[in-house]
Amino acid sequence: EDSKLDREDDRKLYPKHVIMDWGGVTRVDGTPVPFSRQAATALVSKMPAWVFDRLRLFCIRPENFTQLPEALPDAKTLAGN
């Protein structure tokens, strides 16, 4: 139960304080979704719990933020696709 509450708290916090920009986020038709706080909130709110949890796990590892951007996984890799 506590983990579900933590996840829901993080769904509110991530679009405001963690997700600062993005690339490669597209609509079903393939058109890019420009970054905005509103778009980040909508995306995070629609993520299945397991996908959001993988994002959370990625974000708690400091080494993921000390590497060059090209060495970091893309969204599909992060989601396990």
C-alpha atoms as a PDB file:
ATOM      1  CA  GLU A   1       0.000   0.000   0.000  1.00  0.00           C
ATOM      2  CA  ASP A   2       2.803   2.426   0.880  1.00  0.00           C
ATOM      3  CA  SER A   3       4.533   1.818  -2.452  1.00  0.00           C
ATOM      4  CA  LYS A   4       1.319   2.708  -4.299  1.00  0.00           C
ATOM      5  CA  LEU A   5       1.038   5.957  -2.338  1.00  0.00           C
ATOM      6  CA  ASP A   6       4.697   6.758  -3.017  1.00  0.00           C
ATOM      7  CA  ARG A   7       4.156   6.099  -6.729  1.00  0.00           C
ATOM      8  CA  GLU A   8       1.153   8.420  -6.852  1.00  0.00           C
ATOM      9  CA  ASP A   9       3.120  11.143  -5.028  1.00  0.00           C
ATOM     10  CA  ASP A  10       5.950  10.715  -7.538  1.00  0.00           C
ATOM     11  CA  ARG A  11       3.510  10.967 -10.453  1.00  0.00           C
ATOM     12  CA  LYS A  12       2.775  14.500  -9.216  1.00  0.00           C
ATOM     13  CA  LEU A  13       6.387  15.408  -8.454  1.00  0.00           C
ATOM     14  CA  TYR A  14       8.175  14.062 -11.551  1.00  0.00           C
ATOM     15  CA  PRO A  15       6.541  16.394 -14.117  1.00  0.00           C
ATOM     16  CA  LYS A  16       7.321  19.391 -11.875  1.00  0.00           C
ATOM     17  CA  HIS A  17      10.796  18.579 -10.569  1.00  0.00           C
ATOM     18  CA  VAL A  18      12.414  15.655 -12.388  1.00  0.00           C
ATOM     19  CA  ILE A  19      11.397  15.684 -16.067  1.00  0.00           C
ATOM     20  CA  MET A  20      13.017  18.808 -17.488  1.00  0.00           C
ATOM     21  CA  ASP A  21      12.870  18.064 -21.227  1.00  0.00           C
ATOM     22  CA  TRP A  22      12.557  15.159 -23.623  1.00  0.00           C
ATOM     23  CA  GLY A  23      13.226  13.960 -27.119  1.00  0.00           C
ATOM     24  CA  GLY A  24      11.626  11.199 -29.114  1.00  0.00           C
ATOM     25  CA  VAL A  25       8.211  11.379 -27.462  1.00  0.00           C
ATOM     26  CA  THR A  26       5.635  10.985 -30.219  1.00  0.00           C
ATOM     27  CA  ARG A  27       1.909  10.626 -30.661  1.00  0.00           C
ATOM     28  CA  VAL A  28       0.445   7.406 -32.067  1.00  0.00           C
ATOM     29  CA  ASP A  29       0.615   8.929 -35.561  1.00  0.00           C
ATOM     30  CA  GLY A  30       4.351   9.587 -35.141  1.00  0.00           C
ATOM     31  CA  THR A  31       4.216  13.357 -34.738  1.00  0.00           C
ATOM     32  CA  PRO A  32       6.513  14.718 -32.020  1.00  0.00           C
ATOM     33  CA  VAL A  33       5.054  15.913 -28.726  1.00  0.00           C
ATOM     34  CA  PRO A  34       6.736  19.170 -27.698  1.00  0.00           C
ATOM     35  CA  PHE A  35       7.839  19.220 -24.066  1.00  0.00           C
ATOM     36  CA  SER A  36       5.728  21.139 -21.580  1.00  0.00           C
ATOM     37  CA  ARG A  37       4.836  20.608 -17.940  1.00  0.00           C
ATOM     38  CA  GLN A  38       1.270  19.818 -19.003  1.00  0.00           C
ATOM     39  CA  ALA A  39       2.436  17.227 -21.536  1.00  0.00           C
ATOM     40  CA  ALA A  40       4.770  15.651 -18.957  1.00  0.00           C
ATOM     41  CA  THR A  41       1.924  15.461 -16.439  1.00  0.00           C
ATOM     42  CA  ALA A  42      -0.344  13.825 -19.022  1.00  0.00           C
ATOM     43  CA  LEU A  43       2.323  11.317 -20.043  1.00  0.00           C
ATOM     44  CA  VAL A  44       3.225  10.337 -16.475  1.00  0.00           C
ATOM     45  CA  SER A  45      -0.429   9.990 -15.495  1.00  0.00           C
ATOM     46  CA  LYS A  46      -1.044   7.544 -18.376  1.00  0.00           C
ATOM     47  CA  MET A  47       2.055   5.385 -17.838  1.00  0.00           C
ATOM     48  CA  PRO A  48       1.344   1.899 -16.557  1.00  0.00           C
ATOM     49  CA  ALA A  49       2.736   1.441 -13.039  1.00  0.00           C
ATOM     50  CA  TRP A  50       5.529  -0.881 -14.224  1.00  0.00           C
ATOM     51  CA  VAL A  51       6.751   1.648 -16.811  1.00  0.00           C
ATOM     52  CA  PHE A  52       6.677   4.523 -14.335  1.00  0.00           C
ATOM     53  CA  ASP A  53       8.498   2.365 -11.789  1.00  0.00           C
ATOM     54  CA  ARG A  54      11.284   1.722 -14.315  1.00  0.00           C
ATOM     55  CA  LEU A  55      11.577   5.485 -14.846  1.00  0.00           C
ATOM     56  CA  ARG A  56      11.771   5.972 -11.077  1.00  0.00           C
ATOM     57  CA  LEU A  57      14.484   3.310 -10.780  1.00  0.00           C
ATOM     58  CA  PHE A  58      16.479   4.980 -13.542  1.00  0.00           C
ATOM     59  CA  CYS A  59      16.193   8.359 -11.835  1.00  0.00           C
ATOM     60  CA  ILE A  60      17.406   7.208  -8.420  1.00  0.00           C
ATOM     61  CA  ARG A  61      20.764   6.058  -9.815  1.00  0.00           C
ATOM     62  CA  PRO A  62      23.216   8.992  -9.819  1.00  0.00           C
ATOM     63  CA  GLU A  63      25.461   7.301 -12.395  1.00  0.00           C
ATOM     64  CA  ASN A  64      22.676   7.762 -14.966  1.00  0.00           C
ATOM     65  CA  PHE A  65      23.239  11.506 -14.702  1.00  0.00           C
ATOM     66  CA  THR A  66      27.026  11.546 -14.844  1.00  0.00           C
ATOM     67  CA  GLN A  67      27.448   9.847 -18.233  1.00  0.00           C
ATOM     68  CA  LEU A  68      27.465  11.494 -21.628  1.00  0.00           C
ATOM     69  CA  PRO A  69      23.918  11.684 -23.076  1.00  0.00           C
ATOM     70  CA  GLU A  70      24.741   9.357 -25.989  1.00  0.00           C
ATOM     71  CA  ALA A  71      25.703   6.649 -23.469  1.00  0.00           C
ATOM     72  CA  LEU A  72      22.276   6.738 -21.784  1.00  0.00           C
ATOM     73  CA  PRO A  73      19.452   4.438 -22.880  1.00  0.00           C
ATOM     74  CA  ASP A  74      16.612   5.787 -24.985  1.00  0.00           C
ATOM     75  CA  ALA A  75      12.981   5.598 -23.852  1.00  0.00           C
ATOM     76  CA  LYS A  76      12.317   2.278 -25.616  1.00  0.00           C
ATOM     77  CA  THR A  77      15.314   0.646 -23.942  1.00  0.00           C
ATOM     78  CA  LEU A  78      14.335   2.082 -20.582  1.00  0.00           C
ATOM     79  CA  ALA A  79      10.802   0.696 -20.955  1.00  0.00           C
ATOM     80  CA  GLY A  80      12.175  -2.707 -21.914  1.00  0.00           C
ATOM     81  CA  ASN A  81      11.054  -2.685 -25.559  1.00  0.00           C
END
